[in-house]
Protein backbone atom coordinates (compact mmCIF):
# COMPACT_ATOMS: atom_id res chain seq x y z
CA MET A 1 75.67 112.81 91.26
CA LYS A 2 74.35 114.23 94.24
CA THR A 3 73.67 112.16 97.95
CA ARG A 4 73.41 113.07 101.41
CA LEU A 5 76.76 112.86 101.87
CA THR A 6 77.35 115.87 98.85
CA GLU A 7 75.13 117.89 100.82
CA LEU A 8 76.23 116.89 104.39
CA LEU A 9 80.02 117.92 103.24
CA ASN A 10 78.81 120.78 100.33
CA ILE A 11 81.06 118.40 97.78
CA GLU A 12 80.53 118.01 93.99
CA ALA A 13 81.71 114.37 94.15
CA PRO A 14 80.70 111.49 96.41
CA ILE A 15 84.62 110.72 97.07
CA ILE A 16 86.32 111.11 99.85
CA GLN A 17 90.46 110.98 99.77
CA GLY A 18 91.67 108.38 102.87
CA GLY A 19 93.56 109.83 105.66
CA MET A 20 96.80 108.06 104.69
CA ALA A 21 99.78 108.34 107.29
CA TRP A 22 102.94 110.19 105.60
CA VAL A 23 101.07 110.39 102.17
CA ALA A 24 97.66 112.88 102.78
CA ASP A 25 99.56 115.77 103.12
CA ALA A 26 98.50 119.31 102.23
CA GLN A 27 99.31 119.07 98.67
CA LEU A 28 97.30 116.14 97.75
CA ALA A 29 93.90 117.36 100.39
CA ALA A 30 93.88 120.28 98.36
CA ALA A 31 93.93 118.95 94.72
CA VAL A 32 91.60 116.56 95.55
CA SER A 33 89.02 119.15 97.24
CA GLU A 34 90.00 121.56 94.06
CA ALA A 35 88.73 118.29 91.90
CA GLY A 36 85.40 118.16 93.57
CA GLY A 37 85.90 115.73 96.72
CA LEU A 38 86.72 116.09 99.63
CA GLY A 39 90.57 116.07 100.45
CA ILE A 40 92.09 114.63 103.97
CA ILE A 41 95.00 115.57 105.89
CA ALA A 42 96.30 112.71 107.70
CA GLY A 43 97.39 113.31 111.49
CA GLY A 44 98.86 110.54 112.05
CA ASN A 45 101.27 110.08 114.89
CA ALA A 46 102.37 114.07 113.56
CA PRO A 47 102.84 116.64 116.87
CA LYS A 48 100.18 119.65 116.25
CA GLU A 49 102.58 121.54 114.72
CA VAL A 50 103.46 119.74 111.84
CA ILE A 51 99.61 119.33 111.26
CA ARG A 52 99.06 122.77 111.63
CA GLU A 53 101.45 124.12 108.84
CA GLU A 54 99.97 121.66 106.67
CA ILE A 55 96.45 123.03 107.15
CA ARG A 56 97.69 126.75 106.40
CA LYS A 57 99.40 125.28 103.73
CA ALA A 58 95.77 123.35 102.26
CA LYS A 59 94.20 126.75 102.97
CA GLU A 60 96.44 128.85 100.81
CA LEU A 61 96.30 126.37 98.02
CA THR A 62 92.17 126.02 97.75
CA GLU A 63 89.41 128.20 99.49
CA LYS A 64 87.11 124.65 98.86
CA ILE A 65 86.13 122.48 101.97
CA PHE A 66 88.49 119.86 103.29
CA GLY A 67 89.39 117.85 106.17
CA VAL A 68 91.57 116.63 108.96
CA ASN A 69 91.98 112.48 109.84
CA VAL A 70 92.84 111.92 113.63
CA MET A 71 93.99 109.21 115.32
CA LEU A 72 92.87 108.49 118.30
CA LEU A 73 95.95 106.69 119.22
CA SER A 74 98.52 109.00 118.79
CA PRO A 75 99.93 110.88 121.56
CA PHE A 76 98.89 113.94 120.52
CA VAL A 77 95.37 113.27 119.95
CA ASP A 78 94.83 115.92 122.47
CA ASP A 79 96.12 118.65 120.64
CA ILE A 80 94.87 117.42 117.16
CA ILE A 81 91.11 118.14 118.86
CA ASP A 82 92.65 121.61 119.94
CA LEU A 83 93.93 122.49 116.38
CA VAL A 84 91.14 121.16 114.32
CA ILE A 85 88.88 123.68 116.84
CA GLU A 86 91.48 126.54 116.92
CA GLU A 87 91.95 125.98 112.72
CA GLU A 88 88.27 125.72 112.18
CA ILE A 89 88.32 122.48 110.46
CA PRO A 90 84.95 122.13 108.76
CA VAL A 91 84.81 118.03 109.20
CA ILE A 92 87.34 115.44 110.62
CA THR A 93 87.39 111.61 110.61
CA THR A 94 88.04 110.07 112.80
CA GLY A 95 90.51 106.45 113.32
CA ALA A 96 91.47 103.75 115.81
CA GLY A 97 89.08 104.17 118.42
CA ASN A 98 86.37 105.97 119.75
CA PRO A 99 85.36 109.87 119.13
CA GLY A 100 83.07 110.16 121.79
CA LYS A 101 84.95 112.30 124.96
CA TYR A 102 86.08 115.02 122.14
CA MET A 103 81.68 115.32 120.70
CA ASP A 104 80.36 117.67 122.64
CA ARG A 105 83.27 120.01 122.05
CA LEU A 106 83.67 119.02 118.83
CA LYS A 107 79.68 119.58 117.69
CA ALA A 108 80.49 122.93 119.70
CA ALA A 109 82.29 124.25 117.03
CA LYS A 110 80.12 122.90 114.67
CA ILE A 111 82.98 120.25 113.33
CA LYS A 112 81.08 117.23 111.44
CA VAL A 113 82.98 114.08 112.45
CA LEU A 114 82.52 110.26 110.16
CA PRO A 115 84.70 108.18 112.58
CA VAL A 116 85.98 104.90 110.29
CA VAL A 117 84.02 101.86 111.46
CA PRO A 118 84.73 98.20 111.08
CA SER A 119 81.60 96.78 112.40
CA VAL A 120 77.58 97.51 112.64
CA ALA A 121 78.24 97.68 116.29
CA LEU A 122 80.78 100.33 116.69
CA ALA A 123 78.49 102.22 113.41
CA ARG A 124 75.29 102.48 115.50
CA ARG A 125 77.89 103.49 118.60
CA MET A 126 78.86 106.29 116.41
CA GLU A 127 75.56 107.44 115.51
CA LYS A 128 74.24 107.40 119.07
CA ILE A 129 77.32 109.81 119.90
CA GLY A 130 76.19 111.98 117.53
CA ALA A 131 78.54 111.23 114.36
CA HIS A 132 77.40 112.88 110.97
CA ALA A 133 78.51 109.93 109.72
CA VAL A 134 80.42 106.42 109.31
CA ILE A 135 82.77 105.25 106.83
CA VAL A 136 82.88 101.58 106.86
CA GLU A 137 85.94 100.41 105.77
CA GLY A 138 86.43 96.17 104.62
CA THR A 139 89.20 94.27 104.92
CA GLU A 140 90.13 95.13 101.39
CA ALA A 141 91.71 98.21 102.33
CA GLY A 142 95.70 99.03 102.92
CA GLY A 143 97.04 100.03 105.83
CA HIS A 144 95.11 98.73 109.57
CA ILE A 145 92.08 96.66 108.86
CA GLY A 146 89.33 94.69 110.02
CA GLU A 147 87.94 91.37 109.29
CA VAL A 148 84.93 92.01 107.11
CA THR A 149 84.76 92.99 103.65
CA THR A 150 83.50 96.23 101.95
CA MET A 151 81.09 94.20 99.88
CA ALA A 152 79.35 92.03 102.86
CA LEU A 153 79.87 94.89 105.60
CA THR A 154 78.43 97.74 104.38
CA PRO A 155 75.44 97.10 103.27
CA GLN A 156 74.62 95.93 106.95
CA VAL A 157 75.65 98.83 108.56
CA ALA A 158 73.20 101.14 105.99
CA ASP A 159 70.26 98.85 107.56
CA ALA A 160 71.64 99.52 111.01
CA VAL A 161 71.97 102.82 110.57
CA THR A 162 70.06 106.54 109.80
CA ILE A 163 73.09 108.54 108.79
CA PRO A 164 75.07 108.80 105.49
CA VAL A 165 77.15 105.74 105.26
CA VAL A 166 80.57 105.77 103.23
CA ALA A 167 82.12 103.02 101.16
CA ALA A 168 85.99 101.80 101.84
CA GLY A 169 88.24 99.59 101.31
CA GLY A 170 88.89 98.06 97.48
CA ILE A 171 87.35 100.43 95.28
CA ALA A 172 89.30 102.37 93.10
CA ASP A 173 87.07 103.06 89.98
CA GLY A 174 83.56 104.32 88.45
CA ARG A 175 82.37 100.77 88.77
CA GLY A 176 83.45 100.77 92.88
CA LEU A 177 81.71 103.78 93.23
CA LEU A 178 78.69 102.86 91.58
CA ALA A 179 78.93 99.00 93.59
CA ALA A 180 79.31 101.25 96.95
CA LEU A 181 75.87 103.28 96.51
CA SER A 182 74.15 99.72 95.22
CA LEU A 183 75.15 98.22 98.67
CA GLY A 184 73.48 101.47 100.15
CA ALA A 185 76.52 104.14 101.03
CA GLU A 186 76.37 107.56 100.37
CA GLY A 187 79.92 107.79 98.58
CA VAL A 188 82.58 106.31 99.24
CA GLN A 189 86.29 106.71 100.32
CA VAL A 190 89.27 105.98 97.89
CA GLY A 191 93.11 105.61 99.28
CA THR A 192 95.38 103.51 97.25
CA ARG A 193 94.00 105.49 94.16
CA PHE A 194 95.83 108.68 94.90
CA ILE A 195 98.73 107.38 96.13
CA CYS A 196 99.40 107.47 92.26
CA SER A 197 97.98 110.90 91.39
CA THR A 198 100.19 113.40 90.53
CA GLU A 199 99.78 115.79 93.11
CA CYS A 200 100.72 113.24 95.48
CA THR A 201 103.97 113.74 97.01
CA VAL A 202 105.03 110.23 97.88
CA HIS A 203 108.36 108.79 96.30
CA GLU A 204 108.30 108.11 92.93
CA LYS A 205 109.31 104.34 94.13
CA TYR A 206 105.99 104.00 95.98
CA LYS A 207 103.88 105.49 93.02
CA GLU A 208 106.32 102.36 91.12
CA LYS A 209 105.36 99.59 93.16
CA VAL A 210 101.69 100.17 93.36
CA LEU A 211 101.54 100.65 89.73
CA SER A 212 103.43 97.03 89.54
CA ALA A 213 101.04 95.79 91.92
CA LYS A 214 99.28 92.25 90.22
CA ASP A 215 95.50 91.06 92.49
CA ARG A 216 97.57 88.92 95.01
CA ASP A 217 100.69 91.05 96.02
CA ALA A 218 98.45 92.96 98.62
CA ILE A 219 98.66 90.50 101.67
CA VAL A 220 98.21 91.23 105.33
CA THR A 221 100.34 90.99 107.91
CA ALA A 222 100.87 91.43 112.12
CA ARG A 223 97.58 89.58 112.14
CA SER A 224 99.17 87.72 115.37
CA THR A 225 99.60 91.35 117.44
CA GLY A 226 96.28 92.05 116.53
CA HIS A 227 96.74 94.97 114.46
CA PRO A 228 96.55 93.47 111.09
CA VAL A 229 98.30 95.50 108.30
CA ARG A 230 97.98 95.85 104.57
CA VAL A 231 100.83 95.90 103.03
CA LEU A 232 102.62 95.42 99.04
CA ARG A 233 104.84 91.92 98.91
CA ASN A 234 108.40 92.81 99.46
CA GLN A 235 111.38 91.80 101.45
CA PHE A 236 110.44 92.98 104.47
CA THR A 237 107.17 91.67 104.72
CA LYS A 238 108.61 88.47 104.13
CA ALA A 239 111.25 88.64 106.58
CA PHE A 240 107.90 90.46 108.69
CA LEU A 241 106.02 86.99 107.82
CA ARG A 242 109.09 84.58 108.93
CA MET A 243 108.88 86.42 112.44
CA GLU A 244 104.82 85.96 112.98
CA LYS A 245 105.79 82.10 112.30
CA ASP A 246 108.88 81.80 114.40
CA LEU A 247 106.66 83.31 117.15
CA MET A 248 108.13 86.68 117.94
CA SER A 249 106.49 88.95 120.70
CA PRO A 250 104.18 90.80 119.61
CA GLU A 251 106.11 93.74 121.67
CA ASP A 252 109.23 93.25 119.16
CA LEU A 253 106.89 92.54 115.63
CA GLU A 254 106.04 96.15 117.02
CA LYS A 255 109.55 97.19 117.76
CA ALA A 256 110.07 95.98 113.95
CA GLY A 257 107.60 98.05 112.28
CA VAL A 258 108.52 101.17 113.75
CA GLY A 259 109.35 103.79 110.54
CA LYS A 260 109.06 101.32 107.49
CA LEU A 261 106.66 103.28 106.08
CA ARG A 262 107.97 106.41 105.82
CA MET A 263 111.02 104.79 104.59
CA ALA A 264 108.99 103.37 102.07
CA VAL A 265 106.38 106.94 101.34
CA VAL A 266 109.71 109.06 102.27
CA ASP A 267 113.23 107.51 101.02
CA GLY A 268 111.96 104.93 98.28
CA ASP A 269 113.07 101.95 100.25
CA THR A 270 110.11 99.91 98.50
CA GLU A 271 112.14 97.07 99.59
CA GLY A 272 112.83 97.39 102.99
CA GLY A 273 109.86 99.80 103.88
CA SER A 274 106.01 99.10 104.02
CA VAL A 275 104.14 99.81 101.64
CA MET A 276 100.49 100.02 102.47
CA ALA A 277 97.64 99.82 99.61
CA GLY A 278 95.27 97.96 99.39
CA GLN A 279 93.86 95.16 97.29
CA VAL A 280 92.76 97.24 94.65
CA ALA A 281 96.41 98.28 93.87
CA GLY A 282 96.14 95.78 91.15
CA LEU A 283 93.73 98.08 89.29
CA VAL A 284 95.37 101.23 89.38
CA ASN A 285 97.82 101.47 86.30
CA LYS A 286 98.66 105.04 85.55
CA VAL A 287 99.29 108.45 87.25
CA CYS A 288 96.74 110.74 86.64
CA SER A 289 95.54 114.25 87.72
CA CYS A 290 93.01 114.34 90.67
CA ARG A 291 90.65 115.78 88.80
CA GLU A 292 91.49 112.95 85.76
CA ILE A 293 90.88 110.35 88.76
CA ILE A 294 87.39 111.94 90.42
CA GLU A 295 86.16 112.83 86.44
CA GLU A 296 86.30 109.40 85.47
CA MET A 297 85.11 107.55 88.27
CA VAL A 298 82.15 109.34 88.08
CA ALA A 299 82.06 109.33 84.36
CA THR A 300 82.34 105.78 84.59
CA ALA A 301 79.63 105.16 87.29
CA ASP A 302 77.41 106.55 85.68
CA GLU A 303 77.90 104.75 82.40
CA THR A 304 78.39 101.46 83.86
CA TYR A 305 74.46 102.78 85.32
CA GLU A 306 73.11 103.40 81.99
CA ARG A 307 74.10 100.32 80.60
CA LEU A 308 72.69 97.79 83.23
CA ALA A 309 69.59 99.63 83.22
CA SER A 310 69.42 99.22 79.49
CA LYS A 311 70.34 95.67 80.03
CA ILE A 312 68.10 95.48 82.17
CA LYS A 313 65.34 97.34 80.57
CA GLU A 314 65.44 95.10 77.15
CA GLY A 315 65.27 91.95 79.37
C-alpha cells in the first residue's frame, strides 16, 4: 500500500501512531515503526531530558524511522525543538498551535513537519509555511478535539491543499483506512487502537476500560473552557460535567483536570482519572501486537476494496 505519505516518510504502511500524552513512549513508538508504520513519542508537557531519554530508548529498540509529537503549548516547547534538532529526529508532528516560528530551523535540520489541524483554514496556512503534510483530526478523536467530523473535514482539506493529507479521528481498522483513502487522504493517524496493543505500557486497567467501552461511552467534557476533551465515561466525568453545569469558572475547571490523565494511564485509576479515548473505542475488542494491528488494517482495507470493486463490476 504505497501513497505519497509512505514515500515522504519512507514507511511501509500509511499509518502514523498518535502522539498520546503519557501513552506514546519509546516502546510503543519503536513497535509501530518496526511494524511498518510511523511510531511517535509524545512530548506532552514533559521537560527536555525526559523526552531525550525516550528518544534514546527508541533508538536502541529500532533502526527504523520514528518521530516526536511536539505540543506547542508546552512550557518546554523551545527546549523540545532544540532536542529534536540535536537528536536528528527525521519527522515531528505538532499540536495545539502553529509551528511557524520554528519552521526555518526545522527545515534547515531536514526535519519533516506534520502539523495536526482542525480546519481547512489552518491546513492552508500550514501548507504556506512549508509543512510537508497535514494531519486532519476530526472530533471523533480522543483527547483535545475540534468540532468538525473526520468524514466531513478530510475531503475539504484534501481539496484545499496539495501536500499529503493524513486523516485522524474515528479510525481503528482497515475499513477506516480505506474510507480515509477514499476521502482523499494518503494515510491515517491512529491513537485509541494502539492503546490496546501488547507493547503499550499503560496500566492494564486503562486497556480494560477501552476494551469494555460501548459506542456511546466516549463523551466530550470541558466545552465551556473552550478546550473540549473526549474521554470515556466514569466517576470523574460525571463530577466534571456537574461542575460545568454549575457554571464553575474555566480556571477552576482546568485545575480540576490537572493530573487526571496520569492517574488513569500510570496509576490505573480509571474512575477518578481521565481516560482519553476516541469514539472508536467501541470497535476495539482485543489486545494484540502493533504488527498484528497494522497488518490486519492493511489486509482488511485491501479485502474490503476488492469486495467493493467486485460488487461494482457486477453492477
